[in-house]
Amino acid sequence: MLSKKMVKVVSVVASMGLMSVGASVSQAASFEAPKLGTAQVMPTDPSIKKGDKIFVTVKDTKNQKVNVLNAQGHKTTQKVSMGSTYTAKDVKKAAGKKIVKINKSQWLDAKDVVKD
């Protein structure tokens, strides 16, 4: 007898809980989102292109020079100081890296420069 009353009480409480959940769901379905303004369009490709001003950056603060590469993407004995600015003469991929031409025979790794 006691178990039958417990089952009735539990079922009544459960059904009341479901009714309140159903009411909140129907209320959420009728909610309208506020109108938002249009977003500004960001450039999709901020990479360095021919004619862009570039700035040499260094991650290592002790050695503030960057290796100069040749047209094949191999290191040379020359170095360029951090903070130097150049105009990108050309950009290409060589030896698995993207390189930027800074003058007739000198190239820099694209990860060592940023757009100015």
Protein backbone atom coordinates (compact mmCIF):
# COMPACT_ATOMS: atom_id res chain seq x y z
CA MET A 1 0.00 0.00 0.00
CA LEU A 2 2.80 2.34 0.87
CA SER A 3 4.60 1.58 -2.39
CA LYS A 4 1.48 2.42 -4.47
CA LYS A 5 1.23 5.85 -2.79
CA MET A 6 4.95 6.44 -3.42
CA VAL A 7 4.54 5.57 -7.10
CA LYS A 8 1.61 8.01 -7.42
CA VAL A 9 3.53 10.82 -5.70
CA VAL A 10 6.63 10.24 -7.82
CA SER A 11 4.60 10.16 -11.05
CA VAL A 12 2.74 13.37 -10.14
CA VAL A 13 6.01 15.16 -9.33
CA ALA A 14 7.63 13.90 -12.54
CA SER A 15 4.71 15.02 -14.70
CA MET A 16 4.74 18.48 -13.08
CA GLY A 17 8.46 18.74 -13.83
CA LEU A 18 7.91 17.82 -17.47
CA MET A 19 5.15 20.41 -17.80
CA SER A 20 7.44 23.18 -16.54
CA VAL A 21 10.21 22.08 -18.92
CA GLY A 22 7.75 22.13 -21.82
CA ALA A 23 6.67 25.66 -20.93
CA SER A 24 10.25 26.96 -20.89
CA VAL A 25 11.00 25.30 -24.24
CA SER A 26 7.96 26.89 -25.87
CA GLN A 27 8.95 30.25 -24.40
CA ALA A 28 12.48 29.91 -25.81
CA ALA A 29 11.13 28.99 -29.24
CA SER A 30 9.25 32.29 -29.48
CA PHE A 31 12.29 34.40 -28.50
CA GLU A 32 13.67 36.61 -31.32
CA ALA A 33 17.33 37.46 -31.51
CA PRO A 34 18.17 41.17 -31.73
CA LYS A 35 19.23 42.53 -35.11
CA LEU A 36 22.99 42.97 -35.33
CA GLY A 37 24.85 45.40 -37.55
CA THR A 38 26.93 44.19 -40.48
CA ALA A 39 30.43 43.03 -39.67
CA GLN A 40 33.41 44.69 -41.25
CA VAL A 41 35.17 42.55 -43.81
CA MET A 42 38.75 41.61 -42.92
CA PRO A 43 41.23 40.84 -45.68
CA THR A 44 41.32 37.12 -46.25
CA ASP A 45 44.96 37.00 -47.33
CA PRO A 46 47.23 39.26 -45.24
CA SER A 47 50.34 37.64 -46.74
CA ILE A 48 53.22 39.62 -48.20
CA LYS A 49 53.00 40.46 -51.90
CA LYS A 50 55.34 42.10 -54.40
CA GLY A 51 55.64 45.83 -53.71
CA ASP A 52 54.66 45.62 -50.01
CA LYS A 53 56.80 47.36 -47.40
CA ILE A 54 58.28 44.74 -45.06
CA PHE A 55 59.91 44.99 -41.65
CA VAL A 56 62.50 42.50 -40.34
CA THR A 57 61.61 40.94 -36.97
CA VAL A 58 63.60 38.57 -34.74
CA LYS A 59 62.31 36.14 -32.13
CA ASP A 60 65.73 35.68 -30.49
CA THR A 61 66.58 38.86 -28.56
CA LYS A 62 70.27 38.01 -28.10
CA ASN A 63 71.02 37.49 -31.79
CA GLN A 64 69.29 40.40 -33.52
CA LYS A 65 70.23 39.44 -37.03
CA VAL A 66 68.44 37.33 -39.64
CA ASN A 67 70.12 35.05 -42.15
CA VAL A 68 69.96 36.10 -45.79
CA LEU A 69 68.99 33.35 -48.24
CA ASN A 70 69.83 32.83 -51.88
CA ALA A 71 67.22 32.29 -54.63
CA GLN A 72 67.14 28.54 -53.88
CA GLY A 73 66.28 29.17 -50.21
CA HIS A 74 69.69 28.21 -48.81
CA LYS A 75 71.50 30.28 -46.14
CA THR A 76 74.35 32.57 -47.14
CA THR A 77 77.02 34.15 -44.94
CA GLN A 78 75.25 37.53 -45.04
CA LYS A 79 72.90 38.77 -42.33
CA VAL A 80 70.31 41.54 -42.00
CA SER A 81 69.65 43.49 -38.78
CA MET A 82 66.34 43.49 -36.98
CA GLY A 83 64.26 46.60 -37.67
CA SER A 84 65.41 47.01 -41.26
CA THR A 85 62.68 47.95 -43.74
CA TYR A 86 62.55 46.90 -47.37
CA THR A 87 60.16 46.77 -50.30
CA ALA A 88 59.36 43.20 -51.35
CA LYS A 89 60.69 42.77 -54.89
CA ASP A 90 59.27 39.24 -55.28
CA VAL A 91 57.78 36.40 -53.26
CA LYS A 92 58.16 32.68 -54.02
CA LYS A 93 58.44 29.23 -52.48
CA ALA A 94 61.82 27.54 -52.48
CA ALA A 95 63.17 24.61 -50.47
CA GLY A 96 59.80 24.24 -48.74
CA LYS A 97 59.77 27.82 -47.40
CA LYS A 98 58.16 31.03 -48.55
CA ILE A 99 60.90 33.57 -49.26
CA VAL A 100 60.81 37.31 -49.99
CA LYS A 101 63.28 39.06 -52.30
CA ILE A 102 64.72 42.27 -50.83
CA ASN A 103 67.25 43.17 -53.54
CA LYS A 104 69.03 41.73 -56.59
CA SER A 105 70.41 38.59 -54.92
CA GLN A 106 69.18 38.62 -51.30
CA TRP A 107 66.09 36.82 -50.02
CA LEU A 108 64.60 36.52 -46.52
CA ASP A 109 62.42 33.81 -45.01
CA ALA A 110 58.82 35.10 -44.84
CA LYS A 111 58.58 34.12 -41.15
CA ASP A 112 61.33 36.66 -40.37
CA VAL A 113 59.46 39.62 -41.87
CA VAL A 114 56.10 41.30 -41.34
CA LYS A 115 54.13 43.78 -43.42
CA ASP A 116 54.98 47.34 -42.45
